[in-house]
Amino acid sequence: MKECETRIIKIEPDNIRLRLSNAAALKVKMENQTNYIYDFEDRKLIKGRGYARIRIVEDLIHNSNHFYMTTKKLLSQKKYKVMEENETEISDWKAGKKIFESLGLKLLQSISKYRESYKYKDSLIEIDINDRSFCPFAYVEIETKNDSELVEIVDLLGYSIKDTTSKTIYEILHKDTQF
């Protein structure tokens, strides 16, 4: 699956929530996440602009927990950040960890965040609030396949296309762990 996304950084979450509510966007997720980032010791995946991840999700809407194994690879970073994503839900995150480790992958980083996601037309708008030690500001990610819808959403949120970025959060933060 390909994932096209862009970001707006240093947002005010309550303002974004109000604007999404006024636009009748549907809240589809409220969750706490812990993301475990893996790569080989030689950082082969990161050098190839990718990574492996185990994600633990505490779903606050449905009061349930979910676990995912994912690999991602950056395909393009022009107008949007385009990622190839392969993901599957697993029943036991520790088993996923053991699978990655048995393949020779090493844990590089653990990142915790709160995420709220909203559906608007055919797009997904996600408010991310990371552990401040990783990222000191909130940001919004917009996943869409429609350019006109992207412009509409960015405007709806009170921004312009010039305020968006296709950079990864690591590039924005100038951290070398990723890409």
N, C-alpha and C. Protein backbone atom coordinates (compact mmCIF):
# COMPACT_ATOMS: atom_id res chain seq x y z
N MET A 1 0.84 -1.18 0.00
CA MET A 1 0.00 0.00 0.00
C MET A 1 0.89 1.24 0.00
N LYS A 2 0.50 2.24 -0.77
CA LYS A 2 1.21 3.52 -0.75
C LYS A 2 0.44 4.50 0.10
N GLU A 3 1.18 5.30 0.82
CA GLU A 3 0.60 6.28 1.73
C GLU A 3 1.16 7.65 1.34
N CYS A 4 0.27 8.60 0.99
CA CYS A 4 0.69 9.97 0.65
C CYS A 4 0.29 10.88 1.80
N GLU A 5 1.27 11.61 2.31
CA GLU A 5 0.95 12.48 3.45
C GLU A 5 1.76 13.76 3.42
N THR A 6 1.24 14.75 4.12
CA THR A 6 1.93 16.00 4.34
C THR A 6 1.66 16.42 5.78
N ARG A 7 2.47 17.33 6.30
CA ARG A 7 2.36 17.77 7.69
C ARG A 7 2.24 19.28 7.79
N ILE A 8 1.59 19.69 8.87
CA ILE A 8 1.64 21.08 9.32
C ILE A 8 2.15 21.00 10.76
N ILE A 9 3.24 21.70 11.03
CA ILE A 9 3.87 21.57 12.35
C ILE A 9 3.52 22.76 13.24
N LYS A 10 3.76 22.54 14.53
CA LYS A 10 3.56 23.55 15.56
C LYS A 10 2.14 24.10 15.54
N ILE A 11 1.19 23.18 15.60
CA ILE A 11 -0.24 23.56 15.58
C ILE A 11 -0.76 23.72 17.00
N GLU A 12 -1.93 24.31 17.11
CA GLU A 12 -2.66 24.39 18.38
C GLU A 12 -3.78 23.34 18.29
N PRO A 13 -3.66 22.20 18.97
CA PRO A 13 -4.63 21.12 18.83
C PRO A 13 -6.09 21.53 19.04
N ASP A 14 -6.37 22.36 20.05
CA ASP A 14 -7.77 22.75 20.29
C ASP A 14 -8.36 23.54 19.13
N ASN A 15 -7.56 24.36 18.50
CA ASN A 15 -8.01 25.11 17.33
C ASN A 15 -8.31 24.16 16.16
N ILE A 16 -7.44 23.18 15.95
CA ILE A 16 -7.66 22.19 14.88
C ILE A 16 -8.92 21.38 15.16
N ARG A 17 -9.09 20.95 16.41
CA ARG A 17 -10.30 20.19 16.78
C ARG A 17 -11.57 20.99 16.50
N LEU A 18 -11.57 22.27 16.87
CA LEU A 18 -12.73 23.13 16.65
C LEU A 18 -13.04 23.25 15.16
N ARG A 19 -12.01 23.48 14.37
CA ARG A 19 -12.20 23.61 12.92
C ARG A 19 -12.72 22.31 12.30
N LEU A 20 -12.21 21.18 12.77
CA LEU A 20 -12.68 19.89 12.26
C LEU A 20 -14.11 19.62 12.68
N SER A 21 -14.45 19.99 13.90
CA SER A 21 -15.82 19.84 14.38
C SER A 21 -16.78 20.70 13.56
N ASN A 22 -16.40 21.93 13.30
CA ASN A 22 -17.23 22.84 12.50
C ASN A 22 -17.41 22.34 11.07
N ALA A 23 -16.45 21.56 10.57
CA ALA A 23 -16.53 21.02 9.21
C ALA A 23 -17.20 19.64 9.20
N ALA A 24 -17.71 19.20 10.34
CA ALA A 24 -18.38 17.90 10.49
C ALA A 24 -17.46 16.73 10.15
N ALA A 25 -16.18 16.89 10.41
CA ALA A 25 -15.24 15.77 10.25
C ALA A 25 -15.56 14.74 11.34
N LEU A 26 -15.45 13.49 11.01
CA LEU A 26 -15.78 12.40 11.92
C LEU A 26 -14.55 11.93 12.66
N LYS A 27 -14.58 11.99 14.00
CA LYS A 27 -13.46 11.48 14.80
C LYS A 27 -13.49 9.95 14.71
N VAL A 28 -12.40 9.37 14.21
CA VAL A 28 -12.34 7.93 14.02
C VAL A 28 -11.34 7.24 14.95
N LYS A 29 -10.42 8.02 15.54
CA LYS A 29 -9.44 7.42 16.46
C LYS A 29 -9.09 8.39 17.56
N MET A 30 -8.89 7.83 18.73
CA MET A 30 -8.28 8.50 19.88
C MET A 30 -7.44 7.42 20.52
N GLU A 31 -6.12 7.60 20.48
CA GLU A 31 -5.30 6.49 20.95
C GLU A 31 -3.96 6.96 21.51
N ASN A 32 -3.47 6.16 22.42
CA ASN A 32 -2.10 6.29 22.89
C ASN A 32 -1.30 5.23 22.13
N GLN A 33 -0.15 5.62 21.63
CA GLN A 33 0.69 4.71 20.86
C GLN A 33 2.09 4.64 21.46
N THR A 34 2.65 3.46 21.39
CA THR A 34 4.08 3.30 21.62
C THR A 34 4.63 2.65 20.36
N ASN A 35 5.60 3.31 19.75
CA ASN A 35 6.20 2.84 18.51
C ASN A 35 7.64 2.41 18.77
N TYR A 36 7.93 1.16 18.46
CA TYR A 36 9.28 0.61 18.60
C TYR A 36 9.90 0.53 17.21
N ILE A 37 10.95 1.29 16.98
CA ILE A 37 11.59 1.39 15.68
C ILE A 37 12.79 0.44 15.63
N TYR A 38 12.84 -0.39 14.58
CA TYR A 38 13.89 -1.41 14.42
C TYR A 38 14.64 -1.22 13.11
N ASP A 39 15.89 -1.64 13.13
CA ASP A 39 16.71 -1.71 11.92
C ASP A 39 17.83 -2.70 12.17
N PHE A 40 18.55 -3.04 11.12
CA PHE A 40 19.73 -3.88 11.27
C PHE A 40 20.84 -3.04 11.90
N GLU A 41 21.82 -3.72 12.44
CA GLU A 41 22.93 -3.03 13.10
C GLU A 41 23.63 -2.04 12.16
N ASP A 42 23.72 -2.40 10.87
CA ASP A 42 24.37 -1.52 9.89
C ASP A 42 23.43 -0.43 9.35
N ARG A 43 22.21 -0.38 9.91
CA ARG A 43 21.19 0.61 9.52
C ARG A 43 20.81 0.52 8.04
N LYS A 44 20.79 -0.68 7.55
CA LYS A 44 20.46 -0.94 6.14
C LYS A 44 19.09 -0.37 5.76
N LEU A 45 18.11 -0.54 6.61
CA LEU A 45 16.76 -0.05 6.29
C LEU A 45 16.73 1.48 6.24
N ILE A 46 17.32 2.10 7.24
CA ILE A 46 17.33 3.56 7.30
C ILE A 46 18.13 4.14 6.14
N LYS A 47 19.26 3.52 5.82
CA LYS A 47 20.06 3.98 4.68
C LYS A 47 19.25 3.87 3.38
N GLY A 48 18.34 2.90 3.33
CA GLY A 48 17.45 2.74 2.18
C GLY A 48 16.15 3.52 2.33
N ARG A 49 16.12 4.43 3.31
CA ARG A 49 14.98 5.32 3.57
C ARG A 49 13.75 4.56 4.07
N GLY A 50 13.98 3.57 4.93
CA GLY A 50 12.88 2.80 5.49
C GLY A 50 13.12 2.43 6.94
N TYR A 51 12.22 1.64 7.49
CA TYR A 51 12.37 1.14 8.85
C TYR A 51 11.34 0.05 9.11
N ALA A 52 11.51 -0.65 10.21
CA ALA A 52 10.55 -1.64 10.68
C ALA A 52 10.03 -1.14 12.03
N ARG A 53 8.77 -1.47 12.31
CA ARG A 53 8.16 -0.93 13.53
C ARG A 53 7.19 -1.95 14.14
N ILE A 54 7.17 -1.96 15.46
CA ILE A 54 6.11 -2.60 16.23
C ILE A 54 5.35 -1.44 16.88
N ARG A 55 4.04 -1.41 16.69
CA ARG A 55 3.22 -0.35 17.29
C ARG A 55 2.22 -0.98 18.26
N ILE A 56 2.19 -0.44 19.46
CA ILE A 56 1.20 -0.82 20.46
C ILE A 56 0.20 0.33 20.54
N VAL A 57 -1.07 0.01 20.33
CA VAL A 57 -2.12 1.02 20.31
C VAL A 57 -3.11 0.76 21.44
N GLU A 58 -3.29 1.77 22.28
CA GLU A 58 -4.36 1.75 23.28
C GLU A 58 -5.50 2.57 22.69
N ASP A 59 -6.54 1.89 22.19
CA ASP A 59 -7.68 2.54 21.55
C ASP A 59 -8.60 3.09 22.65
N LEU A 60 -8.66 4.40 22.79
CA LEU A 60 -9.42 5.04 23.86
C LEU A 60 -10.91 5.15 23.53
N ILE A 61 -11.28 5.01 22.27
CA ILE A 61 -12.70 5.05 21.88
C ILE A 61 -13.36 3.71 22.18
N HIS A 62 -12.67 2.63 21.82
CA HIS A 62 -13.25 1.29 21.97
C HIS A 62 -12.72 0.53 23.18
N ASN A 63 -11.87 1.19 23.98
CA ASN A 63 -11.30 0.58 25.18
C ASN A 63 -10.68 -0.79 24.87
N SER A 64 -9.76 -0.79 23.89
CA SER A 64 -9.11 -2.03 23.50
C SER A 64 -7.65 -1.76 23.14
N ASN A 65 -6.88 -2.82 23.04
CA ASN A 65 -5.48 -2.71 22.66
C ASN A 65 -5.24 -3.47 21.37
N HIS A 66 -4.36 -2.93 20.52
CA HIS A 66 -4.03 -3.55 19.24
C HIS A 66 -2.53 -3.46 19.04
N PHE A 67 -1.99 -4.41 18.27
CA PHE A 67 -0.56 -4.48 18.03
C PHE A 67 -0.32 -4.66 16.53
N TYR A 68 0.67 -3.95 16.00
CA TYR A 68 0.93 -3.98 14.56
C TYR A 68 2.42 -4.15 14.30
N MET A 69 2.74 -4.94 13.28
CA MET A 69 4.09 -5.03 12.72
C MET A 69 4.03 -4.31 11.39
N THR A 70 5.02 -3.46 11.15
CA THR A 70 5.00 -2.63 9.94
C THR A 70 6.41 -2.48 9.39
N THR A 71 6.50 -2.43 8.06
CA THR A 71 7.71 -1.94 7.42
C THR A 71 7.30 -0.77 6.54
N LYS A 72 8.17 0.22 6.48
CA LYS A 72 7.92 1.40 5.66
C LYS A 72 9.17 1.72 4.87
N LYS A 73 8.96 2.28 3.68
CA LYS A 73 10.06 2.73 2.83
C LYS A 73 9.61 4.00 2.13
N LEU A 74 10.43 5.04 2.23
CA LEU A 74 10.14 6.31 1.57
C LEU A 74 10.37 6.16 0.07
N LEU A 75 9.33 6.44 -0.72
CA LEU A 75 9.42 6.33 -2.17
C LEU A 75 9.67 7.68 -2.83
N SER A 76 9.06 8.73 -2.26
CA SER A 76 9.17 10.06 -2.85
C SER A 76 8.93 11.09 -1.77
N GLN A 77 9.49 12.27 -1.98
CA GLN A 77 9.33 13.33 -0.99
C GLN A 77 9.18 14.67 -1.69
N LYS A 78 8.44 14.67 -2.79
CA LYS A 78 8.24 15.91 -3.53
C LYS A 78 7.07 16.66 -2.93
N LYS A 79 5.93 16.65 -3.60
CA LYS A 79 4.75 17.35 -3.11
C LYS A 79 4.25 16.72 -1.80
N TYR A 80 4.21 15.39 -1.79
CA TYR A 80 3.81 14.63 -0.61
C TYR A 80 4.98 13.74 -0.21
N LYS A 81 4.88 13.25 1.00
CA LYS A 81 5.76 12.17 1.41
C LYS A 81 5.02 10.89 1.00
N VAL A 82 5.60 10.10 0.10
CA VAL A 82 4.97 8.87 -0.37
C VAL A 82 5.75 7.70 0.20
N MET A 83 5.06 6.87 0.96
CA MET A 83 5.68 5.73 1.62
C MET A 83 5.04 4.43 1.12
N GLU A 84 5.87 3.42 0.94
CA GLU A 84 5.35 2.07 0.77
C GLU A 84 5.20 1.52 2.18
N GLU A 85 4.00 1.06 2.51
CA GLU A 85 3.75 0.56 3.85
C GLU A 85 3.19 -0.84 3.78
N ASN A 86 3.80 -1.74 4.54
CA ASN A 86 3.31 -3.10 4.70
C ASN A 86 3.05 -3.29 6.18
N GLU A 87 1.79 -3.59 6.51
CA GLU A 87 1.42 -3.66 7.92
C GLU A 87 0.44 -4.81 8.14
N THR A 88 0.59 -5.44 9.30
CA THR A 88 -0.37 -6.46 9.69
C THR A 88 -0.62 -6.36 11.19
N GLU A 89 -1.84 -6.62 11.59
CA GLU A 89 -2.15 -6.66 13.01
C GLU A 89 -1.70 -8.01 13.56
N ILE A 90 -1.10 -7.98 14.73
CA ILE A 90 -0.63 -9.21 15.38
C ILE A 90 -1.31 -9.33 16.74
N SER A 91 -1.36 -10.54 17.27
CA SER A 91 -2.05 -10.75 18.54
C SER A 91 -1.14 -10.54 19.75
N ASP A 92 0.17 -10.56 19.54
CA ASP A 92 1.12 -10.46 20.64
C ASP A 92 2.32 -9.63 20.20
N TRP A 93 2.47 -8.44 20.74
CA TRP A 93 3.56 -7.57 20.30
C TRP A 93 4.93 -8.14 20.65
N LYS A 94 4.99 -8.90 21.74
CA LYS A 94 6.28 -9.49 22.13
C LYS A 94 6.72 -10.55 21.12
N ALA A 95 5.75 -11.27 20.53
CA ALA A 95 6.08 -12.24 19.47
C ALA A 95 6.59 -11.49 18.25
N GLY A 96 5.99 -10.36 17.91
CA GLY A 96 6.48 -9.54 16.80
C GLY A 96 7.90 -9.07 17.04
N LYS A 97 8.17 -8.66 18.26
CA LYS A 97 9.52 -8.22 18.65
C LYS A 97 10.52 -9.37 18.43
N LYS A 98 10.14 -10.57 18.85
CA LYS A 98 11.02 -11.73 18.70
C LYS A 98 11.25 -12.06 17.23
N ILE A 99 10.22 -11.89 16.40
CA ILE A 99 10.38 -12.13 14.96
C ILE A 99 11.40 -11.15 14.38
N PHE A 100 11.23 -9.87 14.68
CA PHE A 100 12.19 -8.87 14.19
C PHE A 100 13.60 -9.21 14.67
N GLU A 101 13.74 -9.53 15.95
CA GLU A 101 15.06 -9.85 16.50
C GLU A 101 15.64 -11.10 15.87
N SER A 102 14.80 -12.10 15.58
CA SER A 102 15.31 -13.34 14.96
C SER A 102 15.79 -13.08 13.54
N LEU A 103 15.30 -12.01 12.91
CA LEU A 103 15.76 -11.61 11.57
C LEU A 103 17.03 -10.76 11.63
N GLY A 104 17.47 -10.44 12.86
CA GLY A 104 18.69 -9.65 13.03
C GLY A 104 18.43 -8.16 13.24
N LEU A 105 17.18 -7.77 13.39
CA LEU A 105 16.85 -6.36 13.63
C LEU A 105 17.10 -6.01 15.09
N LYS A 106 17.51 -4.78 15.32
CA LYS A 106 17.78 -4.27 16.66
C LYS A 106 16.84 -3.11 16.95
N LEU A 107 16.43 -3.00 18.20
CA LEU A 107 15.60 -1.87 18.63
C LEU A 107 16.46 -0.62 18.64
N LEU A 108 16.02 0.41 17.90
CA LEU A 108 16.74 1.68 17.86
C LEU A 108 16.14 2.72 18.78
N GLN A 109 14.80 2.71 18.86
CA GLN A 109 14.14 3.81 19.55
C GLN A 109 12.72 3.40 19.92
N SER A 110 12.25 3.97 21.01
CA SER A 110 10.86 3.81 21.45
C SER A 110 10.26 5.21 21.56
N ILE A 111 9.11 5.42 20.91
CA ILE A 111 8.48 6.74 20.88
C ILE A 111 7.02 6.59 21.31
N SER A 112 6.60 7.40 22.27
CA SER A 112 5.20 7.39 22.71
C SER A 112 4.51 8.65 22.24
N LYS A 113 3.23 8.50 21.84
CA LYS A 113 2.46 9.66 21.43
C LYS A 113 0.97 9.41 21.59
N TYR A 114 0.24 10.53 21.62
CA TYR A 114 -1.22 10.52 21.60
C TYR A 114 -1.62 10.92 20.19
N ARG A 115 -2.60 10.23 19.61
CA ARG A 115 -3.08 10.55 18.27
C ARG A 115 -4.59 10.58 18.24
N GLU A 116 -5.10 11.63 17.61
CA GLU A 116 -6.52 11.74 17.27
C GLU A 116 -6.63 11.78 15.77
N SER A 117 -7.54 11.00 15.20
CA SER A 117 -7.70 10.96 13.75
C SER A 117 -9.13 11.30 13.38
N TYR A 118 -9.24 12.06 12.28
CA TYR A 118 -10.54 12.50 11.77
C TYR A 118 -10.65 12.17 10.30
N LYS A 119 -11.83 11.71 9.90
CA LYS A 119 -12.12 11.45 8.49
C LYS A 119 -12.85 12.65 7.94
N TYR A 120 -12.35 13.19 6.83
CA TYR A 120 -13.00 14.29 6.13
C TYR A 120 -13.00 13.93 4.65
N LYS A 121 -14.18 13.73 4.11
CA LYS A 121 -14.33 13.25 2.73
C LYS A 121 -13.49 11.99 2.56
N ASP A 122 -12.52 12.01 1.63
CA ASP A 122 -11.70 10.82 1.41
C ASP A 122 -10.32 10.92 2.04
N SER A 123 -10.18 11.81 3.00
CA SER A 123 -8.87 12.06 3.61
C SER A 123 -8.89 11.78 5.10
N LEU A 124 -7.69 11.58 5.65
CA LEU A 124 -7.53 11.35 7.08
C LEU A 124 -6.66 12.48 7.63
N ILE A 125 -7.12 13.08 8.71
CA ILE A 125 -6.40 14.18 9.36
C ILE A 125 -6.06 13.71 10.76
N GLU A 126 -4.76 13.71 11.10
CA GLU A 126 -4.32 13.17 12.37
C GLU A 126 -3.57 14.22 13.17
N ILE A 127 -4.02 14.42 14.41
CA ILE A 127 -3.34 15.30 15.35
C ILE A 127 -2.41 14.42 16.17
N ASP A 128 -1.11 14.71 16.14
CA ASP A 128 -0.13 13.94 16.89
C ASP A 128 0.49 14.81 17.97
N ILE A 129 0.49 14.27 19.19
CA ILE A 129 1.13 14.93 20.32
C ILE A 129 2.09 13.90 20.91
N ASN A 130 3.36 14.06 20.59
CA ASN A 130 4.41 13.12 21.01
C ASN A 130 4.88 13.42 22.42
N ASP A 131 5.56 12.44 23.00
CA ASP A 131 6.28 12.68 24.23
C ASP A 131 7.21 13.86 23.97
N ARG A 132 7.17 14.85 24.83
CA ARG A 132 7.91 16.11 24.60
C ARG A 132 9.42 15.89 24.49
N SER A 133 9.93 14.81 25.07
CA SER A 133 11.36 14.55 24.96
C SER A 133 11.74 14.16 23.52
N PHE A 134 10.78 13.68 22.76
CA PHE A 134 11.03 13.35 21.35
C PHE A 134 10.69 14.53 20.43
N CYS A 135 9.49 15.09 20.60
CA CYS A 135 9.04 16.20 19.75
C CYS A 135 8.28 17.19 20.62
N PRO A 136 8.79 18.40 20.79
CA PRO A 136 8.21 19.35 21.74
C PRO A 136 6.96 20.10 21.25
N PHE A 137 6.48 19.79 20.05
CA PHE A 137 5.29 20.49 19.54
C PHE A 137 4.32 19.49 18.90
N ALA A 138 3.06 19.89 18.88
CA ALA A 138 2.02 19.10 18.22
C ALA A 138 2.06 19.39 16.72
N TYR A 139 1.62 18.42 15.94
CA TYR A 139 1.52 18.62 14.49
C TYR A 139 0.34 17.83 13.95
N VAL A 140 -0.01 18.16 12.73
CA VAL A 140 -1.11 17.47 12.07
C VAL A 140 -0.56 16.82 10.80
N GLU A 141 -0.99 15.59 10.54
CA GLU A 141 -0.66 14.90 9.30
C GLU A 141 -1.94 14.78 8.50
N ILE A 142 -1.84 15.02 7.22
CA ILE A 142 -2.98 14.87 6.31
C ILE A 142 -2.62 13.80 5.31
N GLU A 143 -3.42 12.74 5.26
CA GLU A 143 -3.24 11.67 4.29
C GLU A 143 -4.36 11.78 3.27
N THR A 144 -3.98 11.96 2.00
CA THR A 144 -4.97 12.13 0.95
C THR A 144 -4.39 11.69 -0.38
N LYS A 145 -5.26 11.45 -1.34
CA LYS A 145 -4.82 11.14 -2.70
C LYS A 145 -5.35 12.19 -3.67
N ASN A 146 -5.96 13.23 -3.13
CA ASN A 146 -6.65 14.20 -3.96
C ASN A 146 -6.08 15.59 -3.68
N ASP A 147 -5.43 16.19 -4.68
CA ASP A 147 -4.80 17.51 -4.50
C ASP A 147 -5.80 18.59 -4.11
N SER A 148 -6.95 18.61 -4.74
CA SER A 148 -7.92 19.67 -4.42
C SER A 148 -8.47 19.49 -3.01
N GLU A 149 -8.61 18.25 -2.59
CA GLU A 149 -9.07 18.00 -1.22
C GLU A 149 -8.00 18.42 -0.21
N LEU A 150 -6.73 18.21 -0.55
CA LEU A 150 -5.64 18.66 0.33
C LEU A 150 -5.70 20.17 0.52
N VAL A 151 -5.84 20.90 -0.57
CA VAL A 151 -5.92 22.37 -0.50
C VAL A 151 -7.13 22.77 0.35
N GLU A 152 -8.25 22.10 0.15
CA GLU A 152 -9.47 22.39 0.92
C GLU A 152 -9.24 22.16 2.42
N ILE A 153 -8.58 21.04 2.77
CA ILE A 153 -8.35 20.72 4.18
C ILE A 153 -7.38 21.71 4.81
N VAL A 154 -6.30 22.00 4.12
CA VAL A 154 -5.31 22.94 4.64
C VAL A 154 -5.98 24.29 4.90
N ASP A 155 -6.80 24.74 3.98
CA ASP A 155 -7.54 26.00 4.15
C ASP A 155 -8.52 25.90 5.32
N LEU A 156 -9.23 24.79 5.39
CA LEU A 156 -10.19 24.56 6.47
C LEU A 156 -9.52 24.65 7.84
N LEU A 157 -8.26 24.20 7.91
CA LEU A 157 -7.52 24.21 9.17
C LEU A 157 -6.91 25.58 9.47
N GLY A 158 -7.04 26.52 8.51
CA GLY A 158 -6.55 27.88 8.73
C GLY A 158 -5.12 28.11 8.27
N TYR A 159 -4.65 27.27 7.36
CA TYR A 159 -3.28 27.36 6.86
C TYR A 159 -3.29 27.48 5.34
N SER A 160 -2.09 27.61 4.77
CA SER A 160 -1.94 27.58 3.32
C SER A 160 -1.00 26.43 2.96
N ILE A 161 -0.96 26.09 1.69
CA ILE A 161 -0.09 25.01 1.24
C ILE A 161 1.37 25.31 1.60
N LYS A 162 1.74 26.57 1.64
CA LYS A 162 3.12 26.95 2.01
C LYS A 162 3.46 26.53 3.44
N ASP A 163 2.43 26.30 4.26
CA ASP A 163 2.65 25.89 5.65
C ASP A 163 2.86 24.38 5.79
N THR A 164 2.72 23.63 4.70
CA THR A 164 2.86 22.17 4.76
C THR A 164 4.28 21.76 4.45
N THR A 165 4.61 20.53 4.85
CA THR A 165 5.94 19.98 4.56
C THR A 165 5.82 18.48 4.29
N SER A 166 6.65 17.99 3.39
CA SER A 166 6.73 16.56 3.14
C SER A 166 7.89 15.93 3.92
N LYS A 167 8.57 16.73 4.72
CA LYS A 167 9.69 16.21 5.52
C LYS A 167 9.20 15.22 6.56
N THR A 168 10.06 14.27 6.88
CA THR A 168 9.76 13.36 7.98
C THR A 168 9.92 14.12 9.29
N ILE A 169 9.34 13.61 10.36
CA ILE A 169 9.46 14.28 11.65
C ILE A 169 10.94 14.31 12.08
N TYR A 170 11.71 13.31 11.69
CA TYR A 170 13.14 13.29 12.03
C TYR A 170 13.88 14.41 11.31
N GLU A 171 13.53 14.66 10.05
CA GLU A 171 14.14 15.77 9.32
C GLU A 171 13.76 17.11 9.94
N ILE A 172 12.51 17.24 10.32
CA ILE A 172 12.04 18.48 10.95
C ILE A 172 12.79 18.73 12.26
N LEU A 173 12.98 17.66 13.03
CA LEU A 173 13.65 17.78 14.32
C LEU A 173 15.17 17.73 14.20
N HIS A 174 15.68 17.50 13.00
CA HIS A 174 17.12 17.38 12.75
C HIS A 174 17.73 16.26 13.59
N LYS A 175 16.98 15.14 13.65
CA LYS A 175 17.49 13.96 14.37
C LYS A 175 18.00 12.98 13.35
N ASP A 176 19.07 12.28 13.67
CA ASP A 176 19.69 11.38 12.71
C ASP A 176 19.25 9.92 12.85
N THR A 177 18.32 9.64 13.74
CA THR A 177 17.89 8.25 13.91
C THR A 177 17.19 7.72 12.67
N GLN A 178 16.48 8.58 11.97
CA GLN A 178 15.73 8.19 10.78
C GLN A 178 16.32 8.81 9.56
N PHE A 179 15.93 8.34 8.43
CA PHE A 179 16.21 8.84 7.08
C PHE A 179 17.35 9.82 7.07
